[in-house]
Every structure is written in C-alpha cells, then in structure tokens.
Amino acid sequence: MDDETVGIALVLTSAIGFGTLGIFGVLAADEGLSIPTVLALRFALAAVVVWAVLWFRGRFRLLRGRMLAIAFALGAVGYATQSGLYFLGLEFMTAGMVAIVLYTYPAFVVCLVAIVHPSRVTTVLVVALGLSIGGVALITGADPAGADPVGVLVVLGAALAYSLYIVVSQRALLTVDAEILTAFVLPAAAVTFVVFGLGTGTLAMPDGASAWAVALAIAILATVVPVLTFFAGIARIGASRASIISTAEPGVTVALGALVLGEPVTAVTIVGGTLVVVGVILIQREGT
C-alpha cells in the first residue's frame, strides 16, 4: 500500500482506539474502579509504553527547564482536567453522548482564537460554531434517553479544558516534537490522579483479573495505540487531513456503546451528532 493509504488507515485506527475510551470507562465503573484509580493507571502505564517505544526508535529525549515545566503543566492541569471531567461525565450520560459533546472542543478553540485574534474568525467558522452548539443543544433538549443537563455541563467543561490544552500546546510544539511532548504530558497527568486519589482516599489497585484487563485496555488500546498511530498517520498524510479523518471518533463510540453496552441511539442523537461533526470538519478545513 502507498503512504497515503497507510496514513489514512493509521488515523482511522487511532479514531477507533480513542473511540473505545468511553466504553472501557463504563466497564471500569462497573468493575468498581474509581476515576483516580483508572486515570492514574491509564497515564502511568501509557507513559511507560510510550517512553519505551520512543527509546527503542531512538527518538526519545529529555525535556529540561521551561519546556519541561510547560509539559508538566499541560499534563498535570490541562490533560488531567479534561480526562477527569470526561470520566465524570460517564456517570451522567451514555458513552456515545459524552463523546459527541466532548467533540465540541474545536468550537471552543475558535472562541479562544476570536478573543485574541478576532480578524481570523471567518463566516465559515461562525457557521461551524453554530452547527456544533446547535447539535449539542438539540441533543440536550430533545434526547433525555442519553443526555443529562449536569452531564452536558461537565463534558462541556472537559471540552473547554481540552481546547485550552490545545491552544497552549500549539506554542510548545513550535520547539518540541509532539511525541516527546506527549511522553512528558502522560506521567504528569498520572501524578495528578495519584495525588488526588491519595488525598481523597479513592486510590486503590484493581481487584481481580477483569478489573486489571479493563485498566490495561484503557492504557494500551484506548491511549497508547491511538496516540502512536495518530502521530504515524500525521507523518504520512499531514495534520489537517488527519484531524478531519479523526472526526470518526464519536461515531465509533456511539456505535460501540449501542453494540457493547446496549445504549440507546435515537434519530436525535444521530442528527445532533452529525451537526457537531460537520461543524468540526468545517473548522478543520478552514484551519488549513
């Protein structure tokens, strides 16, 4: 296969991997695993594997000084907040609905850009923003089977945190490779959940083979594999195309939620989710 086909396949693999996160999150809750436990293990195990892969490839390097501090802040504050709110949202809504609402984060990025650089906001971006917000509003107002107002607010908080993470990391990526930055973001996020878990008495090792299987699946299948395949895909087809292809992620979660967890999928869910994804695609295309 040519590089373009391989790149598309890699990004789709990444979208499928990330799309399983909500499913495994629900299964983790069923196993009695707390959010701090799940996420501490997720980021710690993922960090070990990513560091090992980069070391084996001869691509690993240590960050120092200001860049190390930025990477730590991105992981310990930005990515940790986004992940914690995402998993908290799973306690209020279906995995598919959480994935759809989280995917409004590009709209938040547009809002942040508009504050700093109003001239960069085009008509297309305004339309895209309206589609994303309209999709979430439609789901929230007309689909009580899957949407909970509190859950929507929680996951919108996760989307906002992720948009801030993206905006800040864009500056960092001017001087450091994305894979290296990720390698340091992961353990920093793990530290946050270890500290939070110990402070709240909610950190405990998984009890039993099934609980460990879910924790490992979250770390490997829903984190390491999609992270590495996304970077590999970008190297072949570019960041813009990879971002557009990755919009398959919420659709994967909705489908898996229905097949694995028996979550309801209504016409409103499909229409609202489609509006959000179309808005994201327009934002990504305009961003090119």
Protein backbone atom coordinates (compact mmCIF):
# COMPACT_ATOMS: atom_id res chain seq x y z
CA MET A 1 0.00 0.00 0.00
CA ASP A 2 1.09 3.55 -0.67
CA ASP A 3 1.88 6.03 2.09
CA GLU A 4 -1.45 7.84 1.77
CA THR A 5 -3.50 4.65 2.23
CA VAL A 6 -1.37 3.59 5.18
CA GLY A 7 -1.69 7.05 6.71
CA ILE A 8 -5.49 7.02 6.42
CA ALA A 9 -5.61 3.52 7.93
CA LEU A 10 -3.40 4.62 10.82
CA VAL A 11 -5.56 7.65 11.62
CA LEU A 12 -8.74 5.55 11.42
CA THR A 13 -7.11 3.08 13.80
CA SER A 14 -6.39 5.99 16.12
CA ALA A 15 -10.02 7.17 15.94
CA ILE A 16 -11.28 3.68 16.74
CA GLY A 17 -8.85 3.41 19.66
CA PHE A 18 -9.86 6.74 21.16
CA GLY A 19 -13.49 5.84 20.45
CA THR A 20 -13.23 2.86 22.82
CA LEU A 21 -12.26 5.05 25.79
CA GLY A 22 -15.82 5.81 26.89
CA ILE A 23 -16.82 2.15 26.56
CA PHE A 24 -13.93 0.99 28.73
CA GLY A 25 -14.69 3.84 31.13
CA VAL A 26 -18.19 2.50 31.70
CA LEU A 27 -16.81 -1.03 32.12
CA ALA A 28 -14.25 0.28 34.63
CA ALA A 29 -17.03 1.83 36.70
CA ASP A 30 -18.88 -1.50 36.58
CA GLU A 31 -15.74 -3.13 37.99
CA GLY A 32 -15.81 -0.68 40.90
CA LEU A 33 -12.70 1.23 39.79
CA SER A 34 -12.63 4.86 40.90
CA ILE A 35 -11.84 7.65 38.44
CA PRO A 36 -8.47 8.46 40.11
CA THR A 37 -7.50 4.77 40.00
CA VAL A 38 -8.45 4.37 36.34
CA LEU A 39 -6.71 7.53 35.19
CA ALA A 40 -3.60 7.11 37.35
CA LEU A 41 -3.11 3.65 35.86
CA ARG A 42 -4.03 4.86 32.38
CA PHE A 43 -1.43 7.59 32.25
CA ALA A 44 1.28 5.78 34.21
CA LEU A 45 1.13 2.61 32.12
CA ALA A 46 0.79 4.59 28.89
CA ALA A 47 3.83 6.70 29.81
CA VAL A 48 5.95 3.59 30.37
CA VAL A 49 5.00 2.13 26.99
CA VAL A 50 5.39 5.41 25.06
CA TRP A 51 8.80 6.07 26.64
CA ALA A 52 9.89 2.51 25.76
CA VAL A 53 8.70 2.85 22.15
CA LEU A 54 10.42 6.20 21.66
CA TRP A 55 13.62 4.88 23.28
CA PHE A 56 13.58 1.80 21.03
CA ARG A 57 13.15 4.03 17.97
CA GLY A 58 15.99 6.28 19.08
CA ARG A 59 13.61 9.27 19.22
CA PHE A 60 13.44 9.83 22.98
CA ARG A 61 15.00 12.90 24.54
CA LEU A 62 14.65 14.58 27.91
CA LEU A 63 12.96 17.92 28.28
CA ARG A 64 14.54 20.45 30.60
CA GLY A 65 13.89 23.84 32.11
CA ARG A 66 10.97 25.89 30.82
CA MET A 67 9.82 23.29 28.30
CA LEU A 68 9.71 20.60 31.00
CA ALA A 69 7.64 22.91 33.20
CA ILE A 70 5.22 23.58 30.33
CA ALA A 71 4.84 19.88 29.58
CA PHE A 72 4.22 19.13 33.26
CA ALA A 73 1.58 21.87 33.49
CA LEU A 74 -0.11 20.65 30.32
CA GLY A 75 -0.37 17.14 31.73
CA ALA A 76 -0.96 17.81 35.41
CA VAL A 77 -3.54 20.56 34.85
CA GLY A 78 -4.83 20.63 31.27
CA TYR A 79 -5.00 16.98 30.21
CA ALA A 80 -5.79 15.77 33.72
CA THR A 81 -8.75 18.15 33.98
CA GLN A 82 -10.08 17.14 30.59
CA SER A 83 -9.76 13.42 31.36
CA GLY A 84 -11.23 13.68 34.85
CA LEU A 85 -14.28 15.58 33.62
CA TYR A 86 -14.69 13.16 30.70
CA PHE A 87 -14.86 10.17 33.02
CA LEU A 88 -17.10 12.06 35.43
CA GLY A 89 -19.44 12.75 32.52
CA LEU A 90 -19.79 8.99 32.00
CA GLU A 91 -21.60 8.85 35.34
CA PHE A 92 -24.35 11.10 33.96
CA MET A 93 -24.64 10.21 30.27
CA THR A 94 -24.09 7.40 27.80
CA ALA A 95 -20.59 6.93 26.41
CA GLY A 96 -21.81 7.92 22.94
CA MET A 97 -23.35 11.14 24.20
CA VAL A 98 -20.21 12.05 26.15
CA ALA A 99 -18.11 11.54 23.01
CA ILE A 100 -20.40 13.77 20.95
CA VAL A 101 -20.45 16.60 23.50
CA LEU A 102 -16.67 16.42 24.02
CA TYR A 103 -16.19 16.85 20.29
CA THR A 104 -17.33 20.45 20.57
CA TYR A 105 -13.77 21.32 21.68
CA PRO A 106 -12.78 22.76 18.26
CA ALA A 107 -15.64 25.24 18.68
CA PHE A 108 -14.10 26.35 21.98
CA VAL A 109 -10.77 26.74 20.20
CA VAL A 110 -12.50 29.06 17.70
CA CYS A 111 -13.90 31.11 20.60
CA LEU A 112 -10.46 31.40 22.18
CA VAL A 113 -8.94 32.46 18.88
CA ALA A 114 -11.72 35.03 18.42
CA ILE A 115 -10.82 36.62 21.75
CA VAL A 116 -7.16 37.01 20.85
CA HIS A 117 -7.37 37.38 17.04
CA PRO A 118 -10.89 38.49 16.02
CA SER A 119 -9.78 39.06 12.42
CA ARG A 120 -9.10 35.32 11.97
CA VAL A 121 -12.73 34.39 12.58
CA THR A 122 -14.42 33.88 9.20
CA THR A 123 -18.04 33.33 8.22
CA VAL A 124 -17.34 29.62 7.78
CA LEU A 125 -16.03 29.37 11.33
CA VAL A 126 -19.09 31.16 12.69
CA VAL A 127 -21.37 28.74 10.81
CA ALA A 128 -19.31 25.78 12.08
CA LEU A 129 -19.54 27.10 15.63
CA GLY A 130 -23.32 27.41 15.26
CA LEU A 131 -23.60 23.83 13.97
CA SER A 132 -21.60 22.42 16.89
CA ILE A 133 -23.56 24.35 19.50
CA GLY A 134 -26.83 23.57 17.74
CA GLY A 135 -26.05 19.86 17.72
CA VAL A 136 -25.42 19.78 21.46
CA ALA A 137 -28.50 21.94 22.13
CA LEU A 138 -30.63 19.59 20.04
CA ILE A 139 -29.40 16.51 21.88
CA THR A 140 -29.74 18.12 25.30
CA GLY A 141 -33.22 19.45 24.69
CA ALA A 142 -34.76 16.55 22.85
CA ASP A 143 -32.94 13.36 23.85
CA PRO A 144 -33.48 12.64 27.56
CA ALA A 145 -32.59 9.00 26.96
CA GLY A 146 -28.93 9.84 26.72
CA ALA A 147 -28.42 13.46 27.76
CA ASP A 148 -28.36 14.83 31.29
CA PRO A 149 -28.02 18.62 31.74
CA VAL A 150 -25.46 18.19 34.53
CA GLY A 151 -23.53 15.70 32.43
CA VAL A 152 -23.59 18.04 29.44
CA LEU A 153 -22.13 20.85 31.55
CA VAL A 154 -19.44 18.52 32.94
CA VAL A 155 -18.39 17.33 29.48
CA LEU A 156 -18.51 20.85 28.05
CA GLY A 157 -16.07 21.67 30.86
CA ALA A 158 -13.88 18.84 29.57
CA ALA A 159 -14.12 20.26 26.03
CA LEU A 160 -13.13 23.72 27.30
CA ALA A 161 -10.18 22.26 29.22
CA TYR A 162 -9.07 20.36 26.11
CA SER A 163 -9.32 23.47 23.95
CA LEU A 164 -7.09 25.36 26.39
CA TYR A 165 -4.69 22.42 26.36
CA ILE A 166 -4.56 22.55 22.55
CA VAL A 167 -4.01 26.31 22.38
CA VAL A 168 -1.14 26.19 24.90
CA SER A 169 0.43 23.06 23.41
CA GLN A 170 0.47 24.65 19.94
CA ARG A 171 3.04 27.11 21.22
CA ALA A 172 5.09 24.35 22.81
CA LEU A 173 5.05 22.34 19.58
CA LEU A 174 6.97 25.12 17.85
CA THR A 175 10.09 23.94 19.68
CA VAL A 176 9.46 20.32 20.66
CA ASP A 177 8.26 17.22 18.79
CA ALA A 178 4.65 16.21 19.52
CA GLU A 179 5.60 12.67 20.51
CA ILE A 180 8.17 13.93 23.02
CA LEU A 181 5.72 16.43 24.48
CA THR A 182 3.14 13.66 24.87
CA ALA A 183 5.71 11.44 26.57
CA PHE A 184 6.02 14.03 29.35
CA VAL A 185 2.36 15.04 29.48
CA LEU A 186 1.32 11.46 30.31
CA PRO A 187 3.31 10.97 33.55
CA ALA A 188 2.41 14.49 34.69
CA ALA A 189 -1.28 13.61 34.37
CA ALA A 190 -0.64 10.38 36.26
CA VAL A 191 0.90 12.34 39.14
CA THR A 192 -2.22 14.48 39.41
CA PHE A 193 -4.51 11.48 39.83
CA VAL A 194 -2.16 9.71 42.24
CA VAL A 195 -2.06 12.80 44.44
CA PHE A 196 -5.82 13.38 44.13
CA GLY A 197 -6.59 9.73 44.79
CA LEU A 198 -4.37 9.57 47.87
CA GLY A 199 -5.78 12.85 49.18
CA THR A 200 -9.38 11.68 48.81
CA GLY A 201 -8.82 8.06 49.78
CA THR A 202 -10.13 6.88 46.39
CA LEU A 203 -6.93 5.36 45.00
CA ALA A 204 -6.82 1.55 45.06
CA MET A 205 -5.31 -1.13 42.89
CA PRO A 206 -7.73 -3.14 40.71
CA ASP A 207 -9.06 -6.25 42.39
CA GLY A 208 -9.28 -9.22 40.08
CA ALA A 209 -8.34 -10.19 36.53
CA SER A 210 -11.30 -8.49 34.85
CA ALA A 211 -10.62 -5.16 36.58
CA TRP A 212 -6.96 -5.32 35.54
CA ALA A 213 -7.99 -6.23 31.98
CA VAL A 214 -10.15 -3.11 31.73
CA ALA A 215 -7.40 -0.90 33.21
CA LEU A 216 -4.84 -2.30 30.76
CA ALA A 217 -7.26 -1.88 27.85
CA ILE A 218 -7.74 1.79 28.73
CA ALA A 219 -3.97 2.33 28.93
CA ILE A 220 -2.99 0.37 25.81
CA LEU A 221 -5.93 0.11 23.41
CA ALA A 222 -7.54 3.47 24.24
CA THR A 223 -4.38 5.52 24.84
CA VAL A 224 -1.03 4.18 23.61
CA VAL A 225 -2.23 2.65 20.33
CA PRO A 226 -4.32 5.67 19.21
CA VAL A 227 -1.62 8.17 20.25
CA LEU A 228 1.15 6.40 18.34
CA THR A 229 -0.95 5.59 15.27
CA PHE A 230 -2.20 9.19 15.08
CA PHE A 231 1.36 10.54 15.06
CA ALA A 232 2.37 7.93 12.49
CA GLY A 233 -0.62 8.87 10.35
CA ILE A 234 0.20 12.58 10.54
CA ALA A 235 3.70 11.83 9.25
CA ARG A 236 2.14 10.35 6.10
CA ILE A 237 -0.91 12.50 5.33
CA GLY A 238 -0.41 15.69 7.34
CA ALA A 239 -2.11 17.12 10.41
CA SER A 240 -5.06 18.75 8.62
CA ARG A 241 -6.27 15.63 6.86
CA ALA A 242 -5.60 13.52 9.93
CA SER A 243 -7.74 15.86 12.04
CA ILE A 244 -10.65 15.59 9.62
CA ILE A 245 -10.44 11.79 9.42
CA SER A 246 -10.31 11.55 13.21
CA THR A 247 -13.84 13.00 13.38
CA ALA A 248 -14.91 9.37 13.02
CA GLU A 249 -14.17 9.01 16.75
CA PRO A 250 -17.57 9.99 18.23
CA GLY A 251 -19.33 7.79 15.66
CA VAL A 252 -17.21 4.86 16.80
CA THR A 253 -18.15 5.48 20.42
CA VAL A 254 -21.86 5.76 19.62
CA ALA A 255 -21.76 2.51 17.62
CA LEU A 256 -19.77 0.62 20.25
CA GLY A 257 -22.00 1.99 23.01
CA ALA A 258 -25.03 0.53 21.24
CA LEU A 259 -23.36 -2.80 20.40
CA VAL A 260 -21.43 -3.43 23.63
CA LEU A 261 -23.39 -1.55 26.29
CA GLY A 262 -26.84 -1.53 24.75
CA GLU A 263 -27.01 2.28 24.84
CA PRO A 264 -29.97 3.89 23.04
CA VAL A 265 -29.29 5.53 19.70
CA THR A 266 -32.16 7.79 18.64
CA ALA A 267 -32.70 9.84 15.50
CA VAL A 268 -32.00 12.96 17.58
CA THR A 269 -28.65 11.51 18.65
CA ILE A 270 -27.68 10.87 15.04
CA VAL A 271 -28.81 14.30 13.80
CA GLY A 272 -27.24 16.17 16.71
CA GLY A 273 -24.01 14.21 16.44
CA THR A 274 -23.88 14.83 12.70
CA LEU A 275 -24.24 18.58 13.23
CA VAL A 276 -21.35 18.53 15.71
CA VAL A 277 -19.11 16.50 13.40
CA VAL A 278 -19.93 18.67 10.35
CA GLY A 279 -19.08 21.74 12.40
CA VAL A 280 -15.76 20.18 13.40
CA ILE A 281 -14.93 19.27 9.80
CA LEU A 282 -15.65 22.83 8.66
CA ILE A 283 -13.42 24.18 11.42
CA GLN A 284 -10.61 21.80 10.47
CA ARG A 285 -10.88 22.65 6.75
CA GLU A 286 -10.97 26.37 7.45
CA GLY A 287 -7.95 25.94 9.69
CA THR A 288 -5.91 24.66 6.75
